[in-house]
Amino acid sequence: MTFTLPYGLDAVLELEMASDALLAVADAPTEPPLADVAGAVSTALKEPINFPPLAQATVSGDRIAVVVESGVPQSVDLVIGTVQSLLACGADAANITVVLATDSINMAADNVRAILQRQPDNNLPCDGCHIVTHDPTDQASLCHVGVSADERAIRINHIIHEADLVLPIGCLRSPCAPGFRGIHGGLFPSFSDSETIDRFRWCECLESDARQAKLREEPAEVARLLGILLTIQVLPGLSGCAARVLAGETRSVERLGKQLCEAAWHFDVPQRASLVVAALSGGAEQQTWENVASSLASAARAVEEDGAIVLCSELSEVPGPMLRQLSQLVETDDLSQAIRHQGAFDAWVTMELAKATARGPVYLLSRLEDDVVEEMGVAPIADLAEIGRLVSRYTSCILMGHAQHRLPMVLGEEAVR
């Protein structure tokens, strides 16, 4: 039988395999992409979940910070819908500042500004608002907002700290997803200083589960200190698109968002497979090493020990300095200690890739040069036909589309974070 698996922006993998070898296939989520993302934001803000309409949450003269977290699908459309909603409520464009995360791919301030200036609605001119990119190394742009439970200074971008209304725009994730930090996890530490960002990176790949759980309490505490009660969250859909927009009181949105993520992205498999073929979907903004790591972590939940993982992508992002040293790091007696001596920038990604290659063979279809892939201990895939030959060598297989969001659940096994 022929089975298809989309990857990248619009590429498709076709596989011929015996039906009895296929244990499970997860392709499209239950939620289709939104046709009008900006309109969906406006609708959500008119009737927020367990929260007054946006018009009652702000008054003339309020300084407003629209905080766009990293990895949010269709970010520009979300910004347009949010800014237009604020203007419709009487906000002054000059008092609105859009704060972008440092690593928001394709969300450069000049790009967003140019798009806002092209908006056709002359009654609601968006081009007067300010757009800045957060710089965690710029000490002058940061404010002290309090002290964490373990007595560490909490610092945040001063625009966010000084705003009368903070509107975070984030991406919904399952509590079982790798690196989950709660509904405020995209706000903090991303808009803090470099030291805090690195501290989270180290903890998420090197510390115990109990320490990581403790760390996940910090973003909620920061949101409380900033007085954030209203949030905008997006359910990711097919190929890097937005499938649903939620706006409302943070805890209510978090509860509903968890249900939506489980319905859209969790899927049951009867048993682990000797081969998992995973596909990283979406355009350039989705083809990142962070999403590669998330995809491998998801595939690892469904593959047998010593089983193989094939990841189909259109990745072209150059690996970070630690990733380039991965083959050397895995040869050390204590991988965690070896990673600890490196920079924190790509520590989590490196650890996930190291765990994947230690478990069994990892094959990668990408746009990277073969030698770049090989030096990380990963086998490069030359073409789609090679994947077909790989599939024929294994007795059981699971196909997993949109792998950066998927969470396979093996029947009879306890769910793990």
Protein backbone atom coordinates (compact mmCIF):
# COMPACT_ATOMS: atom_id res chain seq x y z
CA MET A 1 0.00 0.00 0.00
CA THR A 2 1.05 3.61 -0.58
CA PHE A 3 1.18 6.02 2.35
CA THR A 4 1.96 9.73 2.18
CA LEU A 5 3.54 12.05 4.72
CA PRO A 6 3.84 15.83 4.16
CA TYR A 7 6.97 17.64 5.31
CA GLY A 8 8.44 21.09 4.91
CA LEU A 9 6.24 23.71 3.31
CA ASP A 10 4.61 21.58 0.60
CA ALA A 11 6.81 18.52 0.03
CA VAL A 12 5.36 15.01 0.29
CA LEU A 13 6.97 11.67 1.08
CA GLU A 14 5.35 8.61 -0.53
CA LEU A 15 6.08 5.20 0.94
CA GLU A 16 5.20 1.72 -0.21
CA MET A 17 4.86 -0.75 2.65
CA ALA A 18 2.93 -3.76 3.77
CA SER A 19 -0.16 -2.74 5.72
CA ASP A 20 0.68 -5.18 8.52
CA ALA A 21 4.01 -3.40 9.07
CA LEU A 22 2.32 -0.05 9.74
CA LEU A 23 1.38 0.23 13.41
CA ALA A 24 -0.01 3.77 13.29
CA VAL A 25 -0.10 6.88 11.15
CA ALA A 26 -0.71 10.40 12.43
CA ASP A 27 -1.07 12.96 9.69
CA ALA A 28 -3.50 15.87 9.89
CA PRO A 29 -4.59 17.26 13.28
CA THR A 30 -8.29 17.61 14.04
CA GLU A 31 -8.25 21.41 13.63
CA PRO A 32 -7.91 22.87 10.10
CA PRO A 33 -5.92 26.10 9.56
CA LEU A 34 -7.74 29.40 10.06
CA ALA A 35 -8.72 31.26 6.92
CA ASP A 36 -8.51 34.70 8.58
CA VAL A 37 -6.08 34.82 11.51
CA ALA A 38 -6.32 38.58 12.07
CA GLY A 39 -10.11 38.34 12.11
CA ALA A 40 -9.96 35.45 14.57
CA VAL A 41 -7.91 37.59 16.95
CA SER A 42 -10.42 40.42 16.76
CA THR A 43 -13.29 38.02 17.43
CA ALA A 44 -11.49 36.44 20.39
CA LEU A 45 -10.73 39.82 21.96
CA LYS A 46 -14.33 40.98 21.68
CA GLU A 47 -15.49 38.09 23.89
CA PRO A 48 -12.48 36.84 25.86
CA ILE A 49 -12.80 33.69 27.96
CA ASN A 50 -13.76 34.62 31.55
CA PHE A 51 -12.55 38.17 31.00
CA PRO A 52 -14.20 41.51 30.09
CA PRO A 53 -14.04 42.61 26.44
CA LEU A 54 -10.80 44.29 25.43
CA ALA A 55 -12.52 47.67 25.28
CA GLN A 56 -13.05 47.46 29.06
CA ALA A 57 -9.46 46.41 29.78
CA THR A 58 -7.82 49.60 28.52
CA VAL A 59 -8.47 53.33 28.63
CA SER A 60 -7.23 56.22 26.54
CA GLY A 61 -3.61 57.00 27.26
CA ASP A 62 -2.65 53.49 28.41
CA ARG A 63 0.80 52.32 27.40
CA ILE A 64 0.32 48.92 25.79
CA ALA A 65 2.91 46.22 25.14
CA VAL A 66 2.02 43.49 22.64
CA VAL A 67 4.59 40.79 23.43
CA VAL A 68 5.13 38.28 20.62
CA GLU A 69 6.73 35.10 21.91
CA SER A 70 9.05 32.91 19.84
CA GLY A 71 7.68 30.14 17.62
CA VAL A 72 4.14 31.50 17.27
CA PRO A 73 2.59 30.52 13.91
CA GLN A 74 1.50 33.35 11.59
CA SER A 75 2.89 35.93 13.99
CA VAL A 76 2.47 38.92 11.70
CA ASP A 77 -1.24 38.22 11.14
CA LEU A 78 -1.69 37.91 14.89
CA VAL A 79 0.02 41.24 15.46
CA ILE A 80 -2.17 42.89 12.83
CA GLY A 81 -5.35 41.56 14.42
CA THR A 82 -4.24 42.56 17.93
CA VAL A 83 -3.15 46.08 16.98
CA GLN A 84 -6.30 46.72 14.97
CA SER A 85 -8.42 45.50 17.88
CA LEU A 86 -6.62 47.89 20.23
CA LEU A 87 -7.09 50.79 17.85
CA ALA A 88 -10.78 49.95 17.50
CA CYS A 89 -11.05 50.21 21.29
CA GLY A 90 -9.68 53.74 21.23
CA ALA A 91 -6.01 53.09 21.90
CA ASP A 92 -3.51 55.52 20.39
CA ALA A 93 -1.10 53.86 17.96
CA ALA A 94 1.75 55.91 19.44
CA ASN A 95 1.13 54.21 22.81
CA ILE A 96 1.34 50.67 21.39
CA THR A 97 4.69 48.87 21.29
CA VAL A 98 5.09 45.45 19.71
CA VAL A 99 7.95 43.63 21.43
CA LEU A 100 9.41 40.73 19.44
CA ALA A 101 11.47 37.86 20.81
CA THR A 102 15.14 37.86 19.87
CA ASP A 103 14.91 34.59 17.93
CA SER A 104 11.61 35.23 16.14
CA ILE A 105 12.51 33.97 12.68
CA ASN A 106 11.02 36.06 9.85
CA MET A 107 9.72 38.50 12.46
CA ALA A 108 12.37 41.20 12.13
CA ALA A 109 11.10 44.59 13.32
CA ASP A 110 11.53 46.20 9.89
CA ASN A 111 9.55 43.39 8.25
CA VAL A 112 6.64 43.72 10.69
CA ARG A 113 6.67 47.50 10.39
CA ALA A 114 6.51 47.34 6.59
CA ILE A 115 3.57 44.91 6.70
CA LEU A 116 1.63 47.06 9.16
CA GLN A 117 2.13 50.11 6.96
CA ARG A 118 0.48 48.25 4.07
CA GLN A 119 -2.74 47.55 5.95
CA PRO A 120 -5.65 48.91 3.85
CA ASP A 121 -7.99 50.06 6.65
CA ASN A 122 -7.41 53.83 6.72
CA ASN A 123 -9.70 54.24 9.71
CA LEU A 124 -7.35 52.15 11.82
CA PRO A 125 -3.80 53.09 10.74
CA CYS A 126 -1.39 50.56 12.26
CA ASP A 127 1.80 52.20 11.10
CA GLY A 128 2.06 54.58 14.07
CA CYS A 129 2.83 51.87 16.63
CA HIS A 130 6.36 51.11 17.75
CA ILE A 131 8.08 47.81 17.00
CA VAL A 132 11.18 46.65 18.84
CA THR A 133 13.16 43.43 19.14
CA HIS A 134 14.18 42.38 22.63
CA ASP A 135 17.94 42.29 23.24
CA PRO A 136 18.82 40.20 26.31
CA THR A 137 22.37 41.55 26.28
CA ASP A 138 21.30 45.21 26.54
CA GLN A 139 21.34 45.97 30.27
CA ALA A 140 19.80 49.41 29.71
CA SER A 141 16.64 47.82 28.25
CA LEU A 142 15.97 45.69 31.35
CA CYS A 143 14.14 46.40 34.61
CA HIS A 144 14.28 44.67 37.98
CA VAL A 145 10.80 43.38 38.88
CA GLY A 146 11.44 41.19 41.91
CA VAL A 147 13.24 38.17 43.31
CA SER A 148 12.55 34.51 42.51
CA ALA A 149 11.83 31.81 45.09
CA ASP A 150 15.52 30.84 45.05
CA GLU A 151 16.50 34.50 45.57
CA ARG A 152 17.58 35.28 42.03
CA ALA A 153 16.95 38.72 40.59
CA ILE A 154 14.08 38.79 38.07
CA ARG A 155 14.65 41.18 35.20
CA ILE A 156 12.38 41.88 32.24
CA ASN A 157 12.31 44.18 29.21
CA HIS A 158 11.52 47.68 30.48
CA ILE A 159 8.76 48.23 27.90
CA ILE A 160 6.88 45.25 29.29
CA HIS A 161 7.51 46.34 32.87
CA GLU A 162 6.32 49.92 32.29
CA ALA A 163 3.21 49.07 30.25
CA ASP A 164 -0.26 49.65 31.68
CA LEU A 165 -1.52 46.66 29.67
CA VAL A 166 0.61 43.70 28.59
CA LEU A 167 -0.85 41.44 25.89
CA PRO A 168 1.29 38.32 25.39
CA ILE A 169 0.84 36.38 22.15
CA GLY A 170 1.96 32.79 22.64
CA CYS A 171 1.71 29.26 21.24
CA LEU A 172 -0.27 26.58 23.08
CA ARG A 173 1.62 23.42 24.02
CA SER A 174 0.77 20.25 25.86
CA PRO A 175 2.16 19.88 29.40
CA CYS A 176 3.79 16.67 28.09
CA ALA A 177 5.70 18.54 25.37
CA PRO A 178 9.49 18.89 25.68
CA GLY A 179 10.52 22.14 27.35
CA PHE A 180 6.99 23.01 28.50
CA ARG A 181 7.04 25.97 30.92
CA GLY A 182 3.36 26.76 31.30
CA ILE A 183 1.28 29.37 29.56
CA HIS A 184 3.73 32.15 30.48
CA GLY A 185 6.79 30.16 29.40
CA GLY A 186 7.22 32.15 26.19
CA LEU A 187 7.24 35.42 28.11
CA PHE A 188 9.85 34.45 30.69
CA PRO A 189 12.76 33.94 30.40
CA SER A 190 12.68 34.95 26.70
CA PHE A 191 12.25 38.65 27.52
CA SER A 192 14.72 38.61 30.41
CA ASP A 193 18.53 38.86 30.39
CA SER A 194 21.03 36.46 28.83
CA GLU A 195 22.03 34.99 32.18
CA THR A 196 18.44 34.02 32.99
CA ILE A 197 17.84 32.59 29.52
CA ASP A 198 20.99 30.48 29.84
CA ARG A 199 19.98 29.34 33.32
CA PHE A 200 16.72 27.93 31.93
CA ARG A 201 18.54 26.26 29.04
CA TRP A 202 20.97 24.52 31.38
CA CYS A 203 18.28 23.40 33.78
CA GLU A 204 16.04 21.97 31.06
CA CYS A 205 18.73 19.65 29.76
CA LEU A 206 20.91 18.90 32.79
CA GLU A 207 18.89 19.19 36.00
CA SER A 208 16.56 16.71 37.71
CA ASP A 209 12.83 16.54 36.97
CA ALA A 210 12.12 18.06 40.39
CA ARG A 211 14.41 21.01 39.68
CA GLN A 212 12.84 21.53 36.28
CA ALA A 213 9.36 21.45 37.82
CA LYS A 214 10.47 24.12 40.28
CA LEU A 215 11.85 26.21 37.45
CA ARG A 216 8.49 26.10 35.65
CA GLU A 217 6.94 28.04 38.53
CA GLU A 218 9.01 31.15 37.73
CA PRO A 219 7.20 32.28 34.55
CA ALA A 220 3.86 32.27 36.40
CA GLU A 221 5.40 34.30 39.25
CA VAL A 222 6.80 36.84 36.79
CA ALA A 223 3.39 37.18 35.11
CA ARG A 224 1.84 37.81 38.54
CA LEU A 225 4.41 40.49 39.34
CA LEU A 226 3.69 42.17 36.01
CA GLY A 227 -0.07 41.99 36.56
CA ILE A 228 -0.75 39.97 33.43
CA LEU A 229 -4.32 38.70 33.50
CA LEU A 230 -5.18 38.56 29.78
CA THR A 231 -3.42 36.43 27.17
CA ILE A 232 -3.70 35.55 23.48
CA GLN A 233 -2.74 31.98 22.63
CA VAL A 234 -2.62 30.12 19.33
CA LEU A 235 -3.23 26.44 18.67
CA PRO A 236 -0.69 25.37 16.02
CA GLY A 237 -2.16 23.70 12.96
CA LEU A 238 -1.01 22.24 9.67
CA SER A 239 2.30 23.33 8.13
CA GLY A 240 3.04 26.10 10.61
CA CYS A 241 -0.40 27.71 10.38
CA ALA A 242 -2.67 28.82 13.20
CA ALA A 243 -5.67 26.56 13.81
CA ARG A 244 -7.39 28.40 16.67
CA VAL A 245 -6.96 31.69 18.55
CA LEU A 246 -7.92 31.92 22.21
CA ALA A 247 -8.02 35.10 24.25
CA GLY A 248 -9.01 35.49 27.86
CA GLU A 249 -8.07 35.04 31.50
CA THR A 250 -4.78 33.19 31.62
CA ARG A 251 -5.77 30.15 33.70
CA SER A 252 -8.98 29.64 31.72
CA VAL A 253 -7.10 29.81 28.42
CA GLU A 254 -4.49 27.40 29.75
CA ARG A 255 -7.14 24.83 30.72
CA LEU A 256 -8.95 25.01 27.39
CA GLY A 257 -5.66 25.11 25.51
CA LYS A 258 -4.53 21.87 27.14
CA GLN A 259 -7.72 20.15 25.97
CA LEU A 260 -7.31 21.48 22.43
CA CYS A 261 -3.65 20.39 22.25
CA GLU A 262 -4.51 16.90 23.41
CA ALA A 263 -7.35 16.59 20.89
CA ALA A 264 -5.25 17.93 18.02
CA TRP A 265 -1.82 16.42 18.66
CA HIS A 266 -1.96 13.42 21.01
CA PHE A 267 -2.36 10.04 19.31
CA ASP A 268 -2.36 6.46 20.54
CA VAL A 269 -0.08 3.75 19.19
CA PRO A 270 -0.57 0.06 20.05
CA GLN A 271 3.12 -0.59 20.67
CA ARG A 272 6.55 0.81 19.96
CA ALA A 273 7.91 0.37 16.44
CA SER A 274 11.33 -0.63 15.16
CA LEU A 275 11.20 2.44 12.88
CA VAL A 276 9.54 5.83 13.28
CA VAL A 277 9.37 8.10 10.23
CA ALA A 278 8.74 11.65 11.45
CA ALA A 279 8.10 14.74 9.36
CA LEU A 280 8.90 18.33 10.32
CA SER A 281 6.23 20.47 8.65
CA GLY A 282 6.03 24.16 7.83
CA GLY A 283 8.14 26.82 6.15
CA ALA A 284 11.48 28.31 7.15
CA GLU A 285 10.18 29.58 10.50
CA GLN A 286 9.40 25.96 11.48
CA GLN A 287 12.56 24.39 10.08
CA THR A 288 14.73 24.99 13.14
CA TRP A 289 17.02 22.90 15.33
CA GLU A 290 14.66 23.45 18.25
CA ASN A 291 11.88 21.82 16.26
CA VAL A 292 14.24 19.06 15.17
CA ALA A 293 14.91 18.36 18.85
CA SER A 294 11.18 18.40 19.66
CA SER A 295 10.48 16.03 16.77
CA LEU A 296 13.17 13.60 17.91
CA ALA A 297 11.88 13.72 21.48
CA SER A 298 8.37 12.91 20.22
CA ALA A 299 9.60 10.10 17.97
CA ALA A 300 11.55 8.64 20.91
CA ARG A 301 8.24 8.12 22.73
CA ALA A 302 7.19 5.62 20.06
CA VAL A 303 10.37 3.87 18.93
CA GLU A 304 11.82 0.65 20.33
CA GLU A 305 15.16 0.64 22.14
CA ASP A 306 17.80 0.34 19.37
CA GLY A 307 15.08 1.26 16.86
CA ALA A 308 15.66 3.84 14.14
CA ILE A 309 14.24 7.32 13.59
CA VAL A 310 13.99 8.97 10.18
CA LEU A 311 13.29 12.72 10.24
CA CYS A 312 12.16 14.39 7.01
CA SER A 313 12.73 18.14 6.94
CA GLU A 314 13.78 21.09 4.83
CA LEU A 315 16.20 22.24 7.51
CA SER A 316 18.94 24.57 6.27
CA GLU A 317 19.81 26.30 9.55
CA VAL A 318 23.51 25.93 10.36
CA PRO A 319 23.96 23.95 13.59
CA GLY A 320 25.23 25.79 16.66
CA PRO A 321 28.75 25.42 18.03
CA MET A 322 27.89 22.66 20.51
CA LEU A 323 25.97 20.63 17.95
CA ARG A 324 29.01 20.70 15.69
CA GLN A 325 31.00 19.08 18.50
CA LEU A 326 28.38 16.44 19.28
CA SER A 327 30.32 13.44 17.98
CA GLN A 328 33.22 14.40 20.25
CA LEU A 329 31.00 15.10 23.26
CA VAL A 330 29.25 11.71 23.13
CA GLU A 331 32.61 9.97 23.43
CA THR A 332 33.23 11.47 26.88
CA ASP A 333 32.50 9.54 30.06
CA ASP A 334 30.02 12.11 31.32
CA LEU A 335 28.04 13.76 28.53
CA SER A 336 26.15 16.06 30.91
CA GLN A 337 29.39 17.33 32.39
CA ALA A 338 30.90 17.80 28.96
CA ILE A 339 27.90 19.82 27.80
CA ARG A 340 27.98 21.89 30.99
CA HIS A 341 31.44 23.15 30.03
CA GLN A 342 30.11 24.46 26.72
CA GLY A 343 27.96 27.52 26.00
CA ALA A 344 24.29 27.24 26.85
CA PHE A 345 22.93 28.47 23.50
CA ASP A 346 22.13 25.08 21.97
CA ALA A 347 22.56 22.88 25.06
CA TRP A 348 19.01 21.50 25.07
CA VAL A 349 19.06 20.70 21.35
CA THR A 350 22.45 19.02 21.73
CA MET A 351 21.25 16.89 24.63
CA GLU A 352 18.10 15.75 22.77
CA LEU A 353 20.11 14.83 19.68
CA ALA A 354 22.68 13.02 21.84
CA LYS A 355 19.94 10.99 23.55
CA ALA A 356 18.39 10.13 20.19
CA THR A 357 21.66 8.92 18.62
CA ALA A 358 22.53 6.95 21.78
CA ARG A 359 19.17 5.14 21.60
CA GLY A 360 19.53 4.02 17.99
CA PRO A 361 20.27 5.17 14.41
CA VAL A 362 18.99 8.62 13.40
CA TYR A 363 18.58 9.52 9.73
CA LEU A 364 18.00 13.10 8.56
CA LEU A 365 16.61 14.42 5.29
CA SER A 366 17.52 18.11 5.12
CA ARG A 367 19.11 20.80 2.98
CA LEU A 368 22.38 20.62 4.91
CA GLU A 369 25.62 19.30 3.47
CA ASP A 370 26.23 15.62 4.21
CA ASP A 371 29.46 16.26 6.12
CA VAL A 372 27.69 18.71 8.44
CA VAL A 373 25.08 16.07 9.30
CA GLU A 374 27.62 13.27 9.65
CA GLU A 375 29.84 15.12 12.11
CA MET A 376 26.92 15.11 14.55
CA GLY A 377 26.66 11.33 14.42
CA VAL A 378 23.54 11.47 12.24
CA ALA A 379 23.18 9.69 8.88
CA PRO A 380 22.23 12.04 6.02
CA ILE A 381 19.53 10.90 3.59
CA ALA A 382 20.33 11.57 -0.04
CA ASP A 383 16.82 11.26 -1.49
CA LEU A 384 13.29 10.03 -0.82
CA ALA A 385 14.00 6.66 -2.42
CA GLU A 386 16.52 5.96 0.34
CA ILE A 387 13.75 6.29 2.92
CA GLY A 388 11.74 3.67 1.05
CA ARG A 389 14.69 1.29 1.20
CA LEU A 390 15.07 1.94 4.93
CA VAL A 391 11.39 1.19 5.57
CA SER A 392 11.70 -2.19 3.85
CA ARG A 393 14.42 -3.24 6.32
CA TYR A 394 12.26 -2.84 9.45
CA THR A 395 9.43 -5.06 10.65
CA SER A 396 7.22 -2.34 12.10
CA CYS A 397 6.78 1.35 11.41
CA ILE A 398 4.95 4.43 12.72
CA LEU A 399 4.43 7.46 10.47
CA MET A 400 4.26 10.75 12.31
CA GLY A 401 3.41 13.98 10.50
CA HIS A 402 3.92 17.47 11.96
CA ALA A 403 6.31 15.86 14.43
CA GLN A 404 7.30 19.08 16.22
CA HIS A 405 3.83 19.09 17.81
CA ARG A 406 2.99 15.39 18.00
CA LEU A 407 2.78 13.46 21.26
CA PRO A 408 2.43 9.71 20.70
CA MET A 409 1.04 7.69 23.60
CA VAL A 410 1.93 3.99 23.70
CA LEU A 411 -1.01 2.03 25.06
CA GLY A 412 -0.22 0.53 28.45
CA GLU A 413 2.72 2.85 29.12
CA GLU A 414 2.51 5.63 31.67
CA ALA A 415 2.39 9.10 30.08
CA VAL A 416 5.64 10.99 30.61
CA ARG A 417 6.44 14.66 30.34
